[in-house]
C-alpha cells in the first residue's frame, strides 16, 4: 500500500509542476503568472 500511495503522490506533484509550467502560456498578460493561479 505504501508504494501505491507514494506513486500516486509523486504523480500528483508531477501534474502540479507541469500545470504551473503551462500557466505562463494561459495568462493573458503574462504578469505574475504563478501568483494568479492557486
Protein backbone atom coordinates (compact mmCIF):
# COMPACT_ATOMS: atom_id res chain seq x y z
CA UNK A 1 0.00 0.00 0.00
CA UNK A 2 2.84 2.36 0.80
CA UNK A 3 4.28 2.03 -2.70
CA UNK A 4 0.91 2.74 -4.30
CA UNK A 5 0.45 5.87 -2.18
CA UNK A 6 3.97 7.02 -2.98
CA UNK A 7 3.41 6.61 -6.73
CA UNK A 8 0.09 8.45 -6.53
CA UNK A 9 1.67 11.29 -4.54
CA UNK A 10 4.61 11.64 -6.95
CA UNK A 11 2.21 11.60 -9.90
CA UNK A 12 0.10 14.31 -8.29
CA UNK A 13 3.14 16.51 -7.62
CA UNK A 14 4.33 15.93 -11.18
CA UNK A 15 0.97 17.07 -12.54
CA UNK A 16 1.08 20.20 -10.37
CA UNK A 17 4.58 21.04 -11.59
CA UNK A 18 3.55 20.59 -15.23
CA UNK A 19 0.40 22.64 -14.63
CA UNK A 20 2.46 25.53 -13.21
CA UNK A 21 4.81 25.24 -16.16
CA UNK A 22 1.88 25.80 -18.51
CA UNK A 23 0.48 28.74 -16.54
CA UNK A 24 2.54 31.46 -18.31
CA UNK A 25 1.04 30.36 -21.64
CA UNK A 26 -2.50 30.66 -20.30
CA UNK A 27 -2.14 34.03 -18.61
CA UNK A 28 -3.42 36.91 -20.79
CA UNK A 29 -0.74 39.48 -19.97
CA UNK A 30 1.84 37.10 -18.53
CA UNK A 31 2.35 39.24 -15.43
CA UNK A 32 2.82 37.31 -12.16
CA UNK A 33 1.54 34.04 -13.68
CA UNK A 34 2.37 31.89 -10.63
CA UNK A 35 0.55 34.13 -8.15
CA UNK A 36 -2.55 34.40 -10.33
CA UNK A 37 -3.24 30.66 -10.14
CA UNK A 38 -3.64 28.83 -6.84
